[in-house]
Amino acid sequence: MKVEHSYPVGENYAASTWNSGAGGTHIEDDRNGQRRDTYFNPTSSVEAGVDAGQVIDVTSTRNSQAEFAAGGSSDPNSYALSIVHRGVTGGPICLQRGSEVFLTSRRTITR
């Protein structure tokens, strides 16, 4: 289900209040420039019991020669997801990994 742009911004929803349909429920809300995906009881279409709200499956078959010949790097990289998040006010940036939370005041973080 996709929330229409004309839907009032003050109207909120909580997945815990929904009725569970077969195959789960997914709401896509991109009002005011923010993208919010909410999932309730998603089920896998590929592997029983491996349920996730969103699955990213990337296969890359590029090789160094072809990448370099196309004007790219001689050392190709492939990522399933790349996130760049900048706190331009100079305030602290909070990073979460699993159940650990890291707080840093550096502006550039490289991992």
PDB file of N, CA and C in Angstrom:
ATOM      1  N   MET A   1       0.843  -1.153   0.000  1.00  0.00           N
ATOM      2  CA  MET A   1       0.000   0.000   0.000  1.00  0.00           C
ATOM      3  C   MET A   1       0.896   1.226   0.000  1.00  0.00           C
ATOM      4  N   LYS A   2       0.530   2.242  -0.781  1.00  0.00           N
ATOM      5  CA  LYS A   2       1.321   3.461  -0.855  1.00  0.00           C
ATOM      6  C   LYS A   2       0.489   4.634  -0.349  1.00  0.00           C
ATOM      7  N   VAL A   3       1.056   5.432   0.557  1.00  0.00           N
ATOM      8  CA  VAL A   3       0.366   6.599   1.094  1.00  0.00           C
ATOM      9  C   VAL A   3       0.408   7.706   0.046  1.00  0.00           C
ATOM     10  N   GLU A   4      -0.726   8.285  -0.264  1.00  0.00           N
ATOM     11  CA  GLU A   4      -0.808   9.378  -1.226  1.00  0.00           C
ATOM     12  C   GLU A   4      -0.193  10.651  -0.642  1.00  0.00           C
ATOM     13  N   HIS A   5       0.415  11.470  -1.504  1.00  0.00           N
ATOM     14  CA  HIS A   5       1.021  12.731  -1.061  1.00  0.00           C
ATOM     15  C   HIS A   5      -0.007  13.666  -0.432  1.00  0.00           C
ATOM     16  N   SER A   6      -1.255  13.577  -0.851  1.00  0.00           N
ATOM     17  CA  SER A   6      -2.292  14.470  -0.335  1.00  0.00           C
ATOM     18  C   SER A   6      -2.795  14.059   1.045  1.00  0.00           C
ATOM     19  N   TYR A   7      -2.402  12.877   1.524  1.00  0.00           N
ATOM     20  CA  TYR A   7      -2.840  12.399   2.838  1.00  0.00           C
ATOM     21  C   TYR A   7      -2.222  13.288   3.908  1.00  0.00           C
ATOM     22  N   PRO A   8      -2.995  13.766   4.894  1.00  0.00           N
ATOM     23  CA  PRO A   8      -2.466  14.694   5.901  1.00  0.00           C
ATOM     24  C   PRO A   8      -1.244  14.152   6.638  1.00  0.00           C
ATOM     25  N   VAL A   9      -0.231  14.994   6.800  1.00  0.00           N
ATOM     26  CA  VAL A   9       1.015  14.583   7.441  1.00  0.00           C
ATOM     27  C   VAL A   9       0.802  14.191   8.903  1.00  0.00           C
ATOM     28  N   GLY A  10      -0.104  14.834   9.608  1.00  0.00           N
ATOM     29  CA  GLY A  10      -0.353  14.527  11.016  1.00  0.00           C
ATOM     30  C   GLY A  10      -0.995  13.178  11.258  1.00  0.00           C
ATOM     31  N   GLU A  11      -1.525  12.555  10.209  1.00  0.00           N
ATOM     32  CA  GLU A  11      -2.140  11.236  10.342  1.00  0.00           C
ATOM     33  C   GLU A  11      -1.042  10.178  10.394  1.00  0.00           C
ATOM     34  N   ASN A  12      -0.927   9.487  11.504  1.00  0.00           N
ATOM     35  CA  ASN A  12       0.111   8.468  11.671  1.00  0.00           C
ATOM     36  C   ASN A  12      -0.508   7.080  11.720  1.00  0.00           C
ATOM     37  N   TYR A  13       0.330   6.081  11.710  1.00  0.00           N
ATOM     38  CA  TYR A  13      -0.116   4.696  11.745  1.00  0.00           C
ATOM     39  C   TYR A  13       0.921   3.867  12.497  1.00  0.00           C
ATOM     40  N   ALA A  14       0.492   2.756  13.045  1.00  0.00           N
ATOM     41  CA  ALA A  14       1.390   1.849  13.771  1.00  0.00           C
ATOM     42  C   ALA A  14       1.110   0.428  13.313  1.00  0.00           C
ATOM     43  N   ALA A  15       2.147  -0.266  12.881  1.00  0.00           N
ATOM     44  CA  ALA A  15       1.989  -1.627  12.366  1.00  0.00           C
ATOM     45  C   ALA A  15       1.348  -2.552  13.393  1.00  0.00           C
ATOM     46  N   SER A  16       1.586  -2.310  14.675  1.00  0.00           N
ATOM     47  CA  SER A  16       1.043  -3.187  15.724  1.00  0.00           C
ATOM     48  C   SER A  16      -0.478  -3.126  15.806  1.00  0.00           C
ATOM     49  N   THR A  17      -1.107  -2.134  15.175  1.00  0.00           N
ATOM     50  CA  THR A  17      -2.565  -2.016  15.212  1.00  0.00           C
ATOM     51  C   THR A  17      -3.235  -2.608  13.976  1.00  0.00           C
ATOM     52  N   TRP A  18      -2.460  -3.107  13.014  1.00  0.00           N
ATOM     53  CA  TRP A  18      -3.025  -3.619  11.777  1.00  0.00           C
ATOM     54  C   TRP A  18      -3.491  -5.051  11.939  1.00  0.00           C
ATOM     55  N   ASN A  19      -4.403  -5.471  11.070  1.00  0.00           N
ATOM     56  CA  ASN A  19      -4.778  -6.874  10.970  1.00  0.00           C
ATOM     57  C   ASN A  19      -3.781  -7.544  10.042  1.00  0.00           C
ATOM     58  N   SER A  20      -3.346  -8.723  10.426  1.00  0.00           N
ATOM     59  CA  SER A  20      -2.347  -9.419   9.619  1.00  0.00           C
ATOM     60  C   SER A  20      -3.008 -10.182   8.494  1.00  0.00           C
ATOM     61  N   GLY A  21      -2.661  -9.807   7.276  1.00  0.00           N
ATOM     62  CA  GLY A  21      -3.155 -10.537   6.116  1.00  0.00           C
ATOM     63  C   GLY A  21      -2.160 -11.614   5.722  1.00  0.00           C
ATOM     64  N   ALA A  22      -2.575 -12.492   4.831  1.00  0.00           N
ATOM     65  CA  ALA A  22      -1.661 -13.520   4.335  1.00  0.00           C
ATOM     66  C   ALA A  22      -0.529 -12.840   3.583  1.00  0.00           C
ATOM     67  N   GLY A  23       0.703 -13.179   3.916  1.00  0.00           N
ATOM     68  CA  GLY A  23       1.849 -12.590   3.232  1.00  0.00           C
ATOM     69  C   GLY A  23       2.302 -11.270   3.810  1.00  0.00           C
ATOM     70  N   GLY A  24       1.683 -10.807   4.873  1.00  0.00           N
ATOM     71  CA  GLY A  24       2.133  -9.588   5.523  1.00  0.00           C
ATOM     72  C   GLY A  24       1.600  -8.326   4.867  1.00  0.00           C
ATOM     73  N   THR A  25       1.925  -7.192   5.472  1.00  0.00           N
ATOM     74  CA  THR A  25       1.474  -5.890   4.999  1.00  0.00           C
ATOM     75  C   THR A  25       2.672  -4.962   4.902  1.00  0.00           C
ATOM     76  N   HIS A  26       2.713  -4.139   3.864  1.00  0.00           N
ATOM     77  CA  HIS A  26       3.804  -3.187   3.648  1.00  0.00           C
ATOM     78  C   HIS A  26       3.195  -1.839   3.300  1.00  0.00           C
ATOM     79  N   ILE A  27       3.591  -0.803   4.036  1.00  0.00           N
ATOM     80  CA  ILE A  27       3.168   0.568   3.752  1.00  0.00           C
ATOM     81  C   ILE A  27       4.391   1.347   3.281  1.00  0.00           C
ATOM     82  N   GLU A  28       4.250   2.010   2.149  1.00  0.00           N
ATOM     83  CA  GLU A  28       5.306   2.874   1.609  1.00  0.00           C
ATOM     84  C   GLU A  28       4.808   4.312   1.707  1.00  0.00           C
ATOM     85  N   ASP A  29       5.512   5.120   2.488  1.00  0.00           N
ATOM     86  CA  ASP A  29       5.089   6.499   2.755  1.00  0.00           C
ATOM     87  C   ASP A  29       6.246   7.435   2.422  1.00  0.00           C
ATOM     88  N   ASP A  30       6.058   8.282   1.414  1.00  0.00           N
ATOM     89  CA  ASP A  30       7.131   9.214   1.057  1.00  0.00           C
ATOM     90  C   ASP A  30       6.637  10.663   1.047  1.00  0.00           C
ATOM     91  N   ARG A  31       5.783  10.978   2.011  1.00  0.00           N
ATOM     92  CA  ARG A  31       5.301  12.354   2.144  1.00  0.00           C
ATOM     93  C   ARG A  31       6.417  13.256   2.653  1.00  0.00           C
ATOM     94  N   ASN A  32       6.408  14.502   2.218  1.00  0.00           N
ATOM     95  CA  ASN A  32       7.355  15.538   2.662  1.00  0.00           C
ATOM     96  C   ASN A  32       8.813  15.176   2.441  1.00  0.00           C
ATOM     97  N   GLY A  33       9.121  14.355   1.455  1.00  0.00           N
ATOM     98  CA  GLY A  33      10.511  14.062   1.121  1.00  0.00           C
ATOM     99  C   GLY A  33      11.167  12.983   1.952  1.00  0.00           C
ATOM    100  N   GLN A  34      10.464  12.417   2.926  1.00  0.00           N
ATOM    101  CA  GLN A  34      11.028  11.320   3.715  1.00  0.00           C
ATOM    102  C   GLN A  34      10.468  10.014   3.178  1.00  0.00           C
ATOM    103  N   ARG A  35      11.292   8.978   3.132  1.00  0.00           N
ATOM    104  CA  ARG A  35      10.848   7.647   2.704  1.00  0.00           C
ATOM    105  C   ARG A  35      10.740   6.774   3.935  1.00  0.00           C
ATOM    106  N   ARG A  36       9.544   6.264   4.203  1.00  0.00           N
ATOM    107  CA  ARG A  36       9.316   5.402   5.359  1.00  0.00           C
ATOM    108  C   ARG A  36       8.628   4.128   4.875  1.00  0.00           C
ATOM    109  N   ASP A  37       9.262   2.997   5.109  1.00  0.00           N
ATOM    110  CA  ASP A  37       8.678   1.697   4.789  1.00  0.00           C
ATOM    111  C   ASP A  37       8.352   1.007   6.102  1.00  0.00           C
ATOM    112  N   THR A  38       7.104   0.600   6.262  1.00  0.00           N
ATOM    113  CA  THR A  38       6.679  -0.087   7.479  1.00  0.00           C
ATOM    114  C   THR A  38       6.154  -1.462   7.077  1.00  0.00           C
ATOM    115  N   TYR A  39       6.631  -2.492   7.760  1.00  0.00           N
ATOM    116  CA  TYR A  39       6.263  -3.869   7.440  1.00  0.00           C
ATOM    117  C   TYR A  39       5.593  -4.509   8.648  1.00  0.00           C
ATOM    118  N   PHE A  40       4.584  -5.320   8.400  1.00  0.00           N
ATOM    119  CA  PHE A  40       3.917  -6.072   9.462  1.00  0.00           C
ATOM    120  C   PHE A  40       3.807  -7.523   9.027  1.00  0.00           C
ATOM    121  N   ASN A  41       4.431  -8.410   9.762  1.00  0.00           N
ATOM    122  CA  ASN A  41       4.430  -9.854   9.501  1.00  0.00           C
ATOM    123  C   ASN A  41       4.792 -10.215   8.066  1.00  0.00           C
ATOM    124  N   PRO A  42       5.948  -9.725   7.566  1.00  0.00           N
ATOM    125  CA  PRO A  42       6.341 -10.111   6.202  1.00  0.00           C
ATOM    126  C   PRO A  42       6.709 -11.589   6.152  1.00  0.00           C
ATOM    127  N   THR A  43       6.474 -12.222   5.026  1.00  0.00           N
ATOM    128  CA  THR A  43       6.866 -13.619   4.844  1.00  0.00           C
ATOM    129  C   THR A  43       7.694 -13.737   3.575  1.00  0.00           C
ATOM    130  N   SER A  44       8.634 -14.641   3.597  1.00  0.00           N
ATOM    131  CA  SER A  44       9.547 -14.815   2.474  1.00  0.00           C
ATOM    132  C   SER A  44       8.853 -15.477   1.294  1.00  0.00           C
ATOM    133  N   SER A  45       9.174 -14.993   0.101  1.00  0.00           N
ATOM    134  CA  SER A  45       8.669 -15.635  -1.110  1.00  0.00           C
ATOM    135  C   SER A  45       9.667 -16.653  -1.648  1.00  0.00           C
ATOM    136  N   VAL A  46      10.838 -16.736  -1.002  1.00  0.00           N
ATOM    137  CA  VAL A  46      11.895 -17.607  -1.505  1.00  0.00           C
ATOM    138  C   VAL A  46      12.191 -18.764  -0.559  1.00  0.00           C
ATOM    139  N   GLU A  47      12.351 -18.479   0.724  1.00  0.00           N
ATOM    140  CA  GLU A  47      12.760 -19.505   1.676  1.00  0.00           C
ATOM    141  C   GLU A  47      11.896 -19.430   2.924  1.00  0.00           C
ATOM    142  N   ALA A  48      11.180 -20.506   3.214  1.00  0.00           N
ATOM    143  CA  ALA A  48      10.270 -20.542   4.361  1.00  0.00           C
ATOM    144  C   ALA A  48      11.014 -20.277   5.667  1.00  0.00           C
ATOM    145  N   GLY A  49      10.450 -19.392   6.476  1.00  0.00           N
ATOM    146  CA  GLY A  49      11.016 -19.107   7.786  1.00  0.00           C
ATOM    147  C   GLY A  49      12.104 -18.049   7.794  1.00  0.00           C
ATOM    148  N   VAL A  50      12.541 -17.593   6.619  1.00  0.00           N
ATOM    149  CA  VAL A  50      13.551 -16.543   6.541  1.00  0.00           C
ATOM    150  C   VAL A  50      12.809 -15.274   6.122  1.00  0.00           C
ATOM    151  N   ASP A  51      12.167 -14.648   7.090  1.00  0.00           N
ATOM    152  CA  ASP A  51      11.285 -13.523   6.816  1.00  0.00           C
ATOM    153  C   ASP A  51      11.974 -12.206   7.144  1.00  0.00           C
ATOM    154  N   ALA A  52      11.882 -11.256   6.231  1.00  0.00           N
ATOM    155  CA  ALA A  52      12.484  -9.935   6.426  1.00  0.00           C
ATOM    156  C   ALA A  52      11.592  -8.909   5.745  1.00  0.00           C
ATOM    157  N   GLY A  53      11.582  -7.695   6.283  1.00  0.00           N
ATOM    158  CA  GLY A  53      10.818  -6.630   5.667  1.00  0.00           C
ATOM    159  C   GLY A  53      11.352  -6.276   4.298  1.00  0.00           C
ATOM    160  N   GLN A  54      12.654  -6.309   4.141  1.00  0.00           N
ATOM    161  CA  GLN A  54      13.251  -5.970   2.858  1.00  0.00           C
ATOM    162  C   GLN A  54      14.480  -6.833   2.638  1.00  0.00           C
ATOM    163  N   VAL A  55      14.626  -7.339   1.434  1.00  0.00           N
ATOM    164  CA  VAL A  55      15.765  -8.179   1.071  1.00  0.00           C
ATOM    165  C   VAL A  55      16.465  -7.528  -0.117  1.00  0.00           C
ATOM    166  N   ILE A  56      17.770  -7.389  -0.016  1.00  0.00           N
ATOM    167  CA  ILE A  56      18.568  -6.876  -1.126  1.00  0.00           C
ATOM    168  C   ILE A  56      19.461  -8.023  -1.583  1.00  0.00           C
ATOM    169  N   ASP A  57      19.318  -8.417  -2.830  1.00  0.00           N
ATOM    170  CA  ASP A  57      20.070  -9.546  -3.379  1.00  0.00           C
ATOM    171  C   ASP A  57      20.820  -9.049  -4.607  1.00  0.00           C
ATOM    172  N   VAL A  58      22.150  -8.926  -4.502  1.00  0.00           N
ATOM    173  CA  VAL A  58      22.964  -8.364  -5.579  1.00  0.00           C
ATOM    174  C   VAL A  58      23.944  -9.426  -6.070  1.00  0.00           C
ATOM    175  N   THR A  59      24.035  -9.565  -7.378  1.00  0.00           N
ATOM    176  CA  THR A  59      25.037 -10.431  -7.995  1.00  0.00           C
ATOM    177  C   THR A  59      25.834  -9.584  -8.959  1.00  0.00           C
ATOM    178  N   SER A  60      27.153  -9.594  -8.836  1.00  0.00           N
ATOM    179  CA  SER A  60      28.002  -8.820  -9.732  1.00  0.00           C
ATOM    180  C   SER A  60      28.967  -9.759 -10.431  1.00  0.00           C
ATOM    181  N   THR A  61      29.052  -9.633 -11.747  1.00  0.00           N
ATOM    182  CA  THR A  61      29.952 -10.492 -12.521  1.00  0.00           C
ATOM    183  C   THR A  61      31.004  -9.677 -13.259  1.00  0.00           C
ATOM    184  N   ARG A  62      31.173  -8.412 -12.860  1.00  0.00           N
ATOM    185  CA  ARG A  62      32.169  -7.569 -13.525  1.00  0.00           C
ATOM    186  C   ARG A  62      33.581  -8.083 -13.238  1.00  0.00           C
ATOM    187  N   ASN A  63      34.470  -7.863 -14.195  1.00  0.00           N
ATOM    188  CA  ASN A  63      35.866  -8.209 -13.951  1.00  0.00           C
ATOM    189  C   ASN A  63      36.720  -6.954 -14.111  1.00  0.00           C
ATOM    190  N   SER A  64      37.934  -6.996 -13.628  1.00  0.00           N
ATOM    191  CA  SER A  64      38.812  -5.827 -13.617  1.00  0.00           C
ATOM    192  C   SER A  64      39.058  -5.273 -15.009  1.00  0.00           C
ATOM    193  N   GLN A  65      39.323  -6.141 -16.003  1.00  0.00           N
ATOM    194  CA  GLN A  65      39.619  -5.674 -17.364  1.00  0.00           C
ATOM    195  C   GLN A  65      38.439  -4.934 -17.974  1.00  0.00           C
ATOM    196  N   ALA A  66      37.244  -5.503 -17.863  1.00  0.00           N
ATOM    197  CA  ALA A  66      36.063  -4.873 -18.454  1.00  0.00           C
ATOM    198  C   ALA A  66      35.738  -3.557 -17.752  1.00  0.00           C
ATOM    199  N   GLU A  67      35.893  -3.520 -16.447  1.00  0.00           N
ATOM    200  CA  GLU A  67      35.617  -2.296 -15.681  1.00  0.00           C
ATOM    201  C   GLU A  67      36.602  -1.190 -16.071  1.00  0.00           C
ATOM    202  N   PHE A  68      37.869  -1.520 -16.163  1.00  0.00           N
ATOM    203  CA  PHE A  68      38.891  -0.537 -16.518  1.00  0.00           C
ATOM    204  C   PHE A  68      38.699  -0.040 -17.949  1.00  0.00           C
ATOM    205  N   ALA A  69      38.372  -0.950 -18.874  1.00  0.00           N
ATOM    206  CA  ALA A  69      38.159  -0.586 -20.278  1.00  0.00           C
ATOM    207  C   ALA A  69      36.968   0.362 -20.430  1.00  0.00           C
ATOM    208  N   ALA A  70      35.992   0.265 -19.537  1.00  0.00           N
ATOM    209  CA  ALA A  70      34.812   1.133 -19.589  1.00  0.00           C
ATOM    210  C   ALA A  70      35.066   2.473 -18.914  1.00  0.00           C
ATOM    211  N   GLY A  71      36.309   2.702 -18.487  1.00  0.00           N
ATOM    212  CA  GLY A  71      36.651   3.979 -17.860  1.00  0.00           C
ATOM    213  C   GLY A  71      36.523   3.971 -16.354  1.00  0.00           C
ATOM    214  N   GLY A  72      36.330   2.806 -15.788  1.00  0.00           N
ATOM    215  CA  GLY A  72      36.183   2.696 -14.337  1.00  0.00           C
ATOM    216  C   GLY A  72      37.486   2.333 -13.664  1.00  0.00           C
ATOM    217  N   SER A  73      37.379   1.840 -12.476  1.00  0.00           N
ATOM    218  CA  SER A  73      38.534   1.458 -11.669  1.00  0.00           C
ATOM    219  C   SER A  73      39.118   0.141 -12.155  1.00  0.00           C
ATOM    220  N   SER A  74      40.411  -0.054 -11.933  1.00  0.00           N
ATOM    221  CA  SER A  74      41.011  -1.346 -12.248  1.00  0.00           C
ATOM    222  C   SER A  74      40.747  -2.342 -11.128  1.00  0.00           C
ATOM    223  N   ASP A  75      40.133  -1.892 -10.053  1.00  0.00           N
ATOM    224  CA  ASP A  75      39.796  -2.742  -8.911  1.00  0.00           C
ATOM    225  C   ASP A  75      38.309  -2.538  -8.588  1.00  0.00           C
ATOM    226  N   PRO A  76      37.396  -3.213  -9.335  1.00  0.00           N
ATOM    227  CA  PRO A  76      35.964  -2.963  -9.139  1.00  0.00           C
ATOM    228  C   PRO A  76      35.483  -3.418  -7.767  1.00  0.00           C
ATOM    229  N   ASN A  77      34.526  -2.700  -7.253  1.00  0.00           N
ATOM    230  CA  ASN A  77      33.885  -3.046  -5.992  1.00  0.00           C
ATOM    231  C   ASN A  77      32.399  -3.193  -6.240  1.00  0.00           C
ATOM    232  N   SER A  78      31.746  -3.999  -5.450  1.00  0.00           N
ATOM    233  CA  SER A  78      30.309  -4.164  -5.566  1.00  0.00           C
ATOM    234  C   SER A  78      29.730  -4.200  -4.160  1.00  0.00           C
ATOM    235  N   TYR A  79      28.699  -3.412  -3.935  1.00  0.00           N
ATOM    236  CA  TYR A  79      28.067  -3.339  -2.622  1.00  0.00           C
ATOM    237  C   TYR A  79      26.584  -3.635  -2.765  1.00  0.00           C
ATOM    238  N   ALA A  80      26.004  -4.260  -1.778  1.00  0.00           N
ATOM    239  CA  ALA A  80      24.558  -4.460  -1.766  1.00  0.00           C
ATOM    240  C   ALA A  80      23.859  -3.177  -1.363  1.00  0.00           C
ATOM    241  N   LEU A  81      24.493  -2.391  -0.486  1.00  0.00           N
ATOM    242  CA  LEU A  81      23.901  -1.144  -0.031  1.00  0.00           C
ATOM    243  C   LEU A  81      25.009  -0.208   0.406  1.00  0.00           C
ATOM    244  N   SER A  82      24.945   1.000  -0.056  1.00  0.00           N
ATOM    245  CA  SER A  82      25.908   2.015   0.348  1.00  0.00           C
ATOM    246  C   SER A  82      25.128   3.183   0.925  1.00  0.00           C
ATOM    247  N   ILE A  83      25.440   3.558   2.157  1.00  0.00           N
ATOM    248  CA  ILE A  83      24.739   4.652   2.824  1.00  0.00           C
ATOM    249  C   ILE A  83      25.748   5.739   3.155  1.00  0.00           C
ATOM    250  N   VAL A  84      25.449   6.952   2.741  1.00  0.00           N
ATOM    251  CA  VAL A  84      26.258   8.111   3.097  1.00  0.00           C
ATOM    252  C   VAL A  84      25.356   9.019   3.931  1.00  0.00           C
ATOM    253  N   HIS A  85      25.763   9.282   5.154  1.00  0.00           N
ATOM    254  CA  HIS A  85      24.969  10.122   6.050  1.00  0.00           C
ATOM    255  C   HIS A  85      25.892  11.181   6.628  1.00  0.00           C
ATOM    256  N   ARG A  86      25.545  12.432   6.387  1.00  0.00           N
ATOM    257  CA  ARG A  86      26.393  13.523   6.851  1.00  0.00           C
ATOM    258  C   ARG A  86      25.628  14.369   7.853  1.00  0.00           C
ATOM    259  N   GLY A  87      26.227  14.622   9.018  1.00  0.00           N
ATOM    260  CA  GLY A  87      25.680  15.551   9.995  1.00  0.00           C
ATOM    261  C   GLY A  87      26.372  16.882   9.784  1.00  0.00           C
ATOM    262  N   VAL A  88      25.813  17.745   8.951  1.00  0.00           N
ATOM    263  CA  VAL A  88      26.517  18.953   8.537  1.00  0.00           C
ATOM    264  C   VAL A  88      26.577  20.026   9.615  1.00  0.00           C
ATOM    265  N   THR A  89      25.893  19.851  10.731  1.00  0.00           N
ATOM    266  CA  THR A  89      25.943  20.860  11.791  1.00  0.00           C
ATOM    267  C   THR A  89      27.155  20.677  12.687  1.00  0.00           C
ATOM    268  N   GLY A  90      27.883  19.579  12.514  1.00  0.00           N
ATOM    269  CA  GLY A  90      29.065  19.327  13.339  1.00  0.00           C
ATOM    270  C   GLY A  90      28.735  18.647  14.654  1.00  0.00           C
ATOM    271  N   GLY A  91      27.482  18.299  14.851  1.00  0.00           N
ATOM    272  CA  GLY A  91      27.069  17.628  16.082  1.00  0.00           C
ATOM    273  C   GLY A  91      27.507  16.175  16.103  1.00  0.00           C
ATOM    274  N   PRO A  92      27.263  15.482  17.193  1.00  0.00           N
ATOM    275  CA  PRO A  92      27.671  14.073  17.293  1.00  0.00           C
ATOM    276  C   PRO A  92      26.873  13.198  16.339  1.00  0.00           C
ATOM    277  N   ILE A  93      27.509  12.156  15.866  1.00  0.00           N
ATOM    278  CA  ILE A  93      26.877  11.198  14.985  1.00  0.00           C
ATOM    279  C   ILE A  93      26.804   9.878  15.738  1.00  0.00           C
ATOM    280  N   CYS A  94      25.647   9.282  15.774  1.00  0.00           N
ATOM    281  CA  CYS A  94      25.445   8.034  16.500  1.00  0.00           C
ATOM    282  C   CYS A  94      25.413   6.889  15.499  1.00  0.00           C
ATOM    283  N   LEU A  95      26.250   5.890  15.684  1.00  0.00           N
ATOM    284  CA  LEU A  95      26.288   4.713  14.823  1.00  0.00           C
ATOM    285  C   LEU A  95      25.803   3.520  15.614  1.00  0.00           C
ATOM    286  N   GLN A  96      24.971   2.690  14.998  1.00  0.00           N
ATOM    287  CA  GLN A  96      24.478   1.515  15.688  1.00  0.00           C
ATOM    288  C   GLN A  96      24.876   0.284  14.909  1.00  0.00           C
ATOM    289  N   ARG A  97      25.457  -0.681  15.595  1.00  0.00           N
ATOM    290  CA  ARG A  97      25.843  -1.944  14.986  1.00  0.00           C
ATOM    291  C   ARG A  97      25.310  -3.050  15.888  1.00  0.00           C
ATOM    292  N   GLY A  98      24.311  -3.770  15.430  1.00  0.00           N
ATOM    293  CA  GLY A  98      23.699  -4.793  16.258  1.00  0.00           C
ATOM    294  C   GLY A  98      23.078  -4.151  17.475  1.00  0.00           C
ATOM    295  N   SER A  99      23.453  -4.601  18.657  1.00  0.00           N
ATOM    296  CA  SER A  99      22.907  -4.019  19.874  1.00  0.00           C
ATOM    297  C   SER A  99      23.865  -3.008  20.489  1.00  0.00           C
ATOM    298  N   GLU A 100      25.019  -2.757  19.827  1.00  0.00           N
ATOM    299  CA  GLU A 100      25.990  -1.792  20.338  1.00  0.00           C
ATOM    300  C   GLU A 100      25.730  -0.423  19.716  1.00  0.00           C
ATOM    301  N   VAL A 101      25.918   0.610  20.483  1.00  0.00           N
ATOM    302  CA  VAL A 101      25.766   1.966  19.971  1.00  0.00           C
ATOM    303  C   VAL A 101      27.085   2.695  20.157  1.00  0.00           C
ATOM    304  N   PHE A 102      27.573   3.336  19.082  1.00  0.00           N
ATOM    305  CA  PHE A 102      28.818   4.082  19.113  1.00  0.00           C
ATOM    306  C   PHE A 102      28.501   5.550  18.896  1.00  0.00           C
ATOM    307  N   LEU A 103      29.091   6.423  19.682  1.00  0.00           N
ATOM    308  CA  LEU A 103      28.869   7.856  19.547  1.00  0.00           C
ATOM    309  C   LEU A 103      30.201   8.522  19.259  1.00  0.00           C
ATOM    310  N   THR A 104      30.218   9.337  18.215  1.00  0.00           N
ATOM    311  CA  THR A 104      31.447  10.003  17.854  1.00  0.00           C
ATOM    312  C   THR A 104      31.156  11.440  17.458  1.00  0.00           C
ATOM    313  N   SER A 105      32.113  12.306  17.629  1.00  0.00           N
ATOM    314  CA  SER A 105      31.924  13.701  17.218  1.00  0.00           C
ATOM    315  C   SER A 105      32.713  14.012  15.949  1.00  0.00           C
ATOM    316  N   ARG A 106      33.353  12.990  15.358  1.00  0.00           N
ATOM    317  CA  ARG A 106      34.056  13.210  14.098  1.00  0.00           C
ATOM    318  C   ARG A 106      33.059  13.461  12.992  1.00  0.00           C
ATOM    319  N   ARG A 107      33.443  14.230  12.012  1.00  0.00           N
ATOM    320  CA  ARG A 107      32.548  14.537  10.908  1.00  0.00           C
ATOM    321  C   ARG A 107      32.633  13.518   9.789  1.00  0.00           C
ATOM    322  N   THR A 108      33.753  12.860   9.655  1.00  0.00           N
ATOM    323  CA  THR A 108      33.921  11.856   8.606  1.00  0.00           C
ATOM    324  C   THR A 108      34.264  10.532   9.260  1.00  0.00           C
ATOM    325  N   ILE A 109      33.525   9.506   8.919  1.00  0.00           N
ATOM    326  CA  ILE A 109      33.721   8.186   9.501  1.00  0.00           C
ATOM    327  C   ILE A 109      34.015   7.223   8.371  1.00  0.00           C
ATOM    328  N   THR A 110      35.108   6.503   8.452  1.00  0.00           N
ATOM    329  CA  THR A 110      35.475   5.545   7.434  1.00  0.00           C
ATOM    330  C   THR A 110      35.569   4.173   8.075  1.00  0.00           C
ATOM    331  N   ARG A 111      34.910   3.233   7.480  1.00  0.00           N
ATOM    332  CA  ARG A 111      34.970   1.857   8.001  1.00  0.00           C
ATOM    333  C   ARG A 111      35.393   0.935   6.896  1.00  0.00           C
TER     334      ARG A 111
END
